[in-house]
Amino acid sequence: MGRMKNFAHEIDENDTIEYMAMNLGISVEELKQLSYKSLIVGDGFTRDIIFDLEKCPNEIMSKVKNLEGGNKVNYWLIDPKRLEDER
């Protein structure tokens, strides 16, 4: 399998609601209570989660890790070190 196919396979395996919740530092049940948009960015290797703060419970949002600008989280769908190792 080629390098890009390996990456695509790993991204598919990691692009789940469970992986998203883990990266946000909350449970899947808590994630289901939030209002957000989810976009794949960065050549398909990362995901942005943009929260609608007016519709999200504050007690859950206070647990979310790595908030940028108060309403956005970006995380890798594949280990960035693997990308560097392949170059």
C-alpha atoms as a PDB file:
ATOM      1  CA  MET A   1       0.000   0.000   0.000  1.00  0.00           C
ATOM      2  CA  GLY A   2       1.367   3.427  -0.898  1.00  0.00           C
ATOM      3  CA  ARG A   3       2.215   6.092   1.640  1.00  0.00           C
ATOM      4  CA  MET A   4      -0.862   8.232   0.922  1.00  0.00           C
ATOM      5  CA  LYS A   5      -3.148   5.186   1.050  1.00  0.00           C
ATOM      6  CA  ASN A   6      -1.691   4.312   4.466  1.00  0.00           C
ATOM      7  CA  PHE A   7      -2.344   7.858   5.669  1.00  0.00           C
ATOM      8  CA  ALA A   8      -5.881   7.828   4.233  1.00  0.00           C
ATOM      9  CA  HIS A   9      -6.618   4.533   5.967  1.00  0.00           C
ATOM     10  CA  GLU A  10      -5.333   5.850   9.311  1.00  0.00           C
ATOM     11  CA  ILE A  11      -7.321   9.073   8.921  1.00  0.00           C
ATOM     12  CA  ASP A  12     -10.491   7.084   8.213  1.00  0.00           C
ATOM     13  CA  GLU A  13      -9.910   4.983  11.320  1.00  0.00           C
ATOM     14  CA  ASN A  14      -9.367   8.094  13.479  1.00  0.00           C
ATOM     15  CA  ASP A  15     -12.182  10.196  12.047  1.00  0.00           C
ATOM     16  CA  THR A  16     -14.816   9.028  14.507  1.00  0.00           C
ATOM     17  CA  ILE A  17     -16.977  10.686  17.141  1.00  0.00           C
ATOM     18  CA  GLU A  18     -15.035   8.768  19.814  1.00  0.00           C
ATOM     19  CA  TYR A  19     -11.697  10.139  18.557  1.00  0.00           C
ATOM     20  CA  MET A  20     -13.188  13.646  18.410  1.00  0.00           C
ATOM     21  CA  ALA A  21     -14.450  13.400  21.999  1.00  0.00           C
ATOM     22  CA  MET A  22     -11.065  12.096  23.168  1.00  0.00           C
ATOM     23  CA  ASN A  23      -9.277  15.036  21.506  1.00  0.00           C
ATOM     24  CA  LEU A  24     -11.716  17.477  23.083  1.00  0.00           C
ATOM     25  CA  GLY A  25     -11.274  15.922  26.535  1.00  0.00           C
ATOM     26  CA  ILE A  26     -14.977  15.121  26.966  1.00  0.00           C
ATOM     27  CA  SER A  27     -17.194  12.067  26.713  1.00  0.00           C
ATOM     28  CA  VAL A  28     -19.156  11.077  23.618  1.00  0.00           C
ATOM     29  CA  GLU A  29     -22.368  11.778  25.550  1.00  0.00           C
ATOM     30  CA  GLU A  30     -21.151  15.313  26.340  1.00  0.00           C
ATOM     31  CA  LEU A  31     -20.129  15.848  22.706  1.00  0.00           C
ATOM     32  CA  LYS A  32     -23.638  14.902  21.571  1.00  0.00           C
ATOM     33  CA  GLN A  33     -25.018  17.770  23.685  1.00  0.00           C
ATOM     34  CA  LEU A  34     -22.910  20.396  21.897  1.00  0.00           C
ATOM     35  CA  SER A  35     -23.734  22.406  18.799  1.00  0.00           C
ATOM     36  CA  TYR A  36     -20.784  22.593  16.398  1.00  0.00           C
ATOM     37  CA  LYS A  37     -19.505  22.530  12.822  1.00  0.00           C
ATOM     38  CA  SER A  38     -16.793  20.072  11.917  1.00  0.00           C
ATOM     39  CA  LEU A  39     -14.452  20.617   8.959  1.00  0.00           C
ATOM     40  CA  ILE A  40     -11.488  18.642   7.636  1.00  0.00           C
ATOM     41  CA  VAL A  41      -8.646  21.074   6.895  1.00  0.00           C
ATOM     42  CA  GLY A  42      -4.889  21.110   6.352  1.00  0.00           C
ATOM     43  CA  ASP A  43      -4.676  18.806   3.345  1.00  0.00           C
ATOM     44  CA  GLY A  44      -7.089  16.446   5.094  1.00  0.00           C
ATOM     45  CA  PHE A  45      -4.786  15.756   8.038  1.00  0.00           C
ATOM     46  CA  THR A  46      -6.535  17.914  10.648  1.00  0.00           C
ATOM     47  CA  ARG A  47     -10.068  18.679  11.768  1.00  0.00           C
ATOM     48  CA  ASP A  48     -11.513  21.975  12.999  1.00  0.00           C
ATOM     49  CA  ILE A  49     -14.427  21.953  15.417  1.00  0.00           C
ATOM     50  CA  ILE A  50     -16.220  25.301  15.673  1.00  0.00           C
ATOM     51  CA  PHE A  51     -18.737  25.543  18.503  1.00  0.00           C
ATOM     52  CA  ASP A  52     -21.934  27.602  18.591  1.00  0.00           C
ATOM     53  CA  LEU A  53     -21.374  28.877  22.130  1.00  0.00           C
ATOM     54  CA  GLU A  54     -24.914  30.226  22.475  1.00  0.00           C
ATOM     55  CA  LYS A  55     -26.253  26.672  22.116  1.00  0.00           C
ATOM     56  CA  CYS A  56     -23.562  24.813  24.101  1.00  0.00           C
ATOM     57  CA  PRO A  57     -23.866  24.125  27.850  1.00  0.00           C
ATOM     58  CA  ASN A  58     -21.183  26.080  29.724  1.00  0.00           C
ATOM     59  CA  GLU A  59     -20.437  23.167  32.078  1.00  0.00           C
ATOM     60  CA  ILE A  60     -19.396  21.005  29.120  1.00  0.00           C
ATOM     61  CA  MET A  61     -17.552  23.772  27.269  1.00  0.00           C
ATOM     62  CA  SER A  62     -15.466  24.437  30.391  1.00  0.00           C
ATOM     63  CA  LYS A  63     -14.055  20.885  30.015  1.00  0.00           C
ATOM     64  CA  VAL A  64     -13.105  21.213  26.330  1.00  0.00           C
ATOM     65  CA  LYS A  65      -9.318  21.184  25.813  1.00  0.00           C
ATOM     66  CA  ASN A  66      -7.353  23.493  23.520  1.00  0.00           C
ATOM     67  CA  LEU A  67     -10.051  26.044  22.720  1.00  0.00           C
ATOM     68  CA  GLU A  68      -8.744  28.740  20.364  1.00  0.00           C
ATOM     69  CA  GLY A  69     -10.512  32.071  20.374  1.00  0.00           C
ATOM     70  CA  GLY A  70     -13.042  30.617  22.788  1.00  0.00           C
ATOM     71  CA  ASN A  71     -14.965  28.574  20.219  1.00  0.00           C
ATOM     72  CA  LYS A  72     -12.608  26.510  18.036  1.00  0.00           C
ATOM     73  CA  VAL A  73     -10.467  23.390  18.442  1.00  0.00           C
ATOM     74  CA  ASN A  74      -8.107  21.962  15.831  1.00  0.00           C
ATOM     75  CA  TYR A  75      -6.634  18.472  16.134  1.00  0.00           C
ATOM     76  CA  TRP A  76      -4.661  16.057  13.981  1.00  0.00           C
ATOM     77  CA  LEU A  77      -6.297  13.000  12.431  1.00  0.00           C
ATOM     78  CA  ILE A  78      -2.838  11.485  12.008  1.00  0.00           C
ATOM     79  CA  ASP A  79       0.331  11.870  14.058  1.00  0.00           C
ATOM     80  CA  PRO A  80       2.197  14.839  12.504  1.00  0.00           C
ATOM     81  CA  LYS A  81       5.528  13.176  13.299  1.00  0.00           C
ATOM     82  CA  ARG A  82       4.601  10.389  10.886  1.00  0.00           C
ATOM     83  CA  LEU A  83       4.154  12.949   8.136  1.00  0.00           C
ATOM     84  CA  GLU A  84       7.608  14.382   8.809  1.00  0.00           C
ATOM     85  CA  ASP A  85       9.184  10.919   8.930  1.00  0.00           C
ATOM     86  CA  GLU A  86       7.777  10.147   5.486  1.00  0.00           C
ATOM     87  CA  ARG A  87       9.289  13.252   3.858  1.00  0.00           C
END
